[in-house]
């Protein structure tokens, strides 16, 4: 089976799966913190890219930011 999404998406989805009995809570909490950090940074970069595309003459930088965020999540 071919993987459509990369490891970043899979790790983020796994971080928000319900905990099972016997699983380590601290490990799950650190995975969730990492996932929240990824999401927040990605949202901030998308907002910055949108500002560059719509608000300034430097739309190439905004397009590069969008491409970087897409590449990060699909790697």
C-alpha atoms as a PDB file:
ATOM      1  CA  UNK A   1       0.000   0.000   0.000  1.00  0.00           C
ATOM      2  CA  UNK A   2       1.307   3.427  -0.909  1.00  0.00           C
ATOM      3  CA  UNK A   3       1.512   6.032   1.835  1.00  0.00           C
ATOM      4  CA  UNK A   4      -0.160   9.270   0.761  1.00  0.00           C
ATOM      5  CA  UNK A   5       0.974  11.317   3.729  1.00  0.00           C
ATOM      6  CA  UNK A   6       4.369  11.385   5.352  1.00  0.00           C
ATOM      7  CA  UNK A   7       5.543  10.604   8.836  1.00  0.00           C
ATOM      8  CA  UNK A   8       4.722  14.068  10.224  1.00  0.00           C
ATOM      9  CA  UNK A   9       0.995  13.633   9.628  1.00  0.00           C
ATOM     10  CA  UNK A  10       1.038  10.076  10.979  1.00  0.00           C
ATOM     11  CA  UNK A  11       2.916  11.086  14.137  1.00  0.00           C
ATOM     12  CA  UNK A  12       0.493  13.950  14.747  1.00  0.00           C
ATOM     13  CA  UNK A  13      -2.533  11.706  14.298  1.00  0.00           C
ATOM     14  CA  UNK A  14      -1.009   9.102  16.640  1.00  0.00           C
ATOM     15  CA  UNK A  15      -0.434  11.759  19.307  1.00  0.00           C
ATOM     16  CA  UNK A  16      -4.172  12.433  19.521  1.00  0.00           C
ATOM     17  CA  UNK A  17      -5.332   8.817  19.611  1.00  0.00           C
ATOM     18  CA  UNK A  18      -7.032   7.769  22.863  1.00  0.00           C
ATOM     19  CA  UNK A  19      -4.748   6.262  25.495  1.00  0.00           C
ATOM     20  CA  UNK A  20      -4.959   2.573  26.248  1.00  0.00           C
ATOM     21  CA  UNK A  21      -4.543   0.887  29.590  1.00  0.00           C
ATOM     22  CA  UNK A  22      -0.900   0.289  30.305  1.00  0.00           C
ATOM     23  CA  UNK A  23       0.360   3.067  28.037  1.00  0.00           C
ATOM     24  CA  UNK A  24       2.779   5.645  29.362  1.00  0.00           C
ATOM     25  CA  UNK A  25       1.063   8.957  30.066  1.00  0.00           C
ATOM     26  CA  UNK A  26       4.263  11.006  30.076  1.00  0.00           C
ATOM     27  CA  UNK A  27       5.257   9.754  26.649  1.00  0.00           C
ATOM     28  CA  UNK A  28       1.795  10.561  25.293  1.00  0.00           C
ATOM     29  CA  UNK A  29       1.891  14.054  26.827  1.00  0.00           C
ATOM     30  CA  UNK A  30       5.250  14.844  25.232  1.00  0.00           C
ATOM     31  CA  UNK A  31       3.993  13.635  21.837  1.00  0.00           C
ATOM     32  CA  UNK A  32       0.967  15.898  22.191  1.00  0.00           C
ATOM     33  CA  UNK A  33       3.147  18.890  23.071  1.00  0.00           C
ATOM     34  CA  UNK A  34       5.246  18.261  19.982  1.00  0.00           C
ATOM     35  CA  UNK A  35       2.095  17.927  17.873  1.00  0.00           C
ATOM     36  CA  UNK A  36       0.635  21.170  19.250  1.00  0.00           C
ATOM     37  CA  UNK A  37       3.940  22.926  18.548  1.00  0.00           C
ATOM     38  CA  UNK A  38       3.933  21.675  14.946  1.00  0.00           C
ATOM     39  CA  UNK A  39       0.369  22.843  14.438  1.00  0.00           C
ATOM     40  CA  UNK A  40       0.930  26.280  15.987  1.00  0.00           C
ATOM     41  CA  UNK A  41       4.116  26.961  14.028  1.00  0.00           C
ATOM     42  CA  UNK A  42       2.441  25.828  10.815  1.00  0.00           C
ATOM     43  CA  UNK A  43      -0.547  28.115  11.399  1.00  0.00           C
ATOM     44  CA  UNK A  44       1.735  31.071  12.131  1.00  0.00           C
ATOM     45  CA  UNK A  45       3.726  30.416   8.962  1.00  0.00           C
ATOM     46  CA  UNK A  46       0.549  30.143   6.881  1.00  0.00           C
ATOM     47  CA  UNK A  47      -0.653  33.478   8.283  1.00  0.00           C
ATOM     48  CA  UNK A  48       2.722  35.053   7.477  1.00  0.00           C
ATOM     49  CA  UNK A  49       2.626  33.584   3.957  1.00  0.00           C
ATOM     50  CA  UNK A  50      -0.870  34.952   3.420  1.00  0.00           C
ATOM     51  CA  UNK A  51       0.253  38.411   4.533  1.00  0.00           C
ATOM     52  CA  UNK A  52       3.174  38.289   2.110  1.00  0.00           C
ATOM     53  CA  UNK A  53       1.006  37.108  -0.784  1.00  0.00           C
ATOM     54  CA  UNK A  54      -1.846  39.556  -0.253  1.00  0.00           C
ATOM     55  CA  UNK A  55      -0.250  42.516   1.452  1.00  0.00           C
ATOM     56  CA  UNK A  56       3.141  43.096  -0.129  1.00  0.00           C
ATOM     57  CA  UNK A  57       4.802  42.964  -3.520  1.00  0.00           C
ATOM     58  CA  UNK A  58       6.968  40.071  -2.341  1.00  0.00           C
ATOM     59  CA  UNK A  59       4.503  37.300  -3.215  1.00  0.00           C
ATOM     60  CA  UNK A  60       7.320  34.869  -4.076  1.00  0.00           C
ATOM     61  CA  UNK A  61       8.301  34.744  -0.412  1.00  0.00           C
ATOM     62  CA  UNK A  62       4.711  33.943   0.553  1.00  0.00           C
ATOM     63  CA  UNK A  63       4.581  31.168  -2.035  1.00  0.00           C
ATOM     64  CA  UNK A  64       7.883  29.790  -0.706  1.00  0.00           C
ATOM     65  CA  UNK A  65       6.469  29.753   2.834  1.00  0.00           C
ATOM     66  CA  UNK A  66       3.373  27.865   1.656  1.00  0.00           C
ATOM     67  CA  UNK A  67       5.572  25.379  -0.169  1.00  0.00           C
ATOM     68  CA  UNK A  68       7.766  24.864   2.882  1.00  0.00           C
ATOM     69  CA  UNK A  69       4.778  24.182   5.139  1.00  0.00           C
ATOM     70  CA  UNK A  70       3.269  21.753   2.611  1.00  0.00           C
ATOM     71  CA  UNK A  71       6.602  20.005   2.190  1.00  0.00           C
ATOM     72  CA  UNK A  72       7.050  19.684   5.938  1.00  0.00           C
ATOM     73  CA  UNK A  73       3.671  18.061   6.468  1.00  0.00           C
ATOM     74  CA  UNK A  74       3.900  15.785   3.435  1.00  0.00           C
ATOM     75  CA  UNK A  75       7.493  14.605   3.982  1.00  0.00           C
END
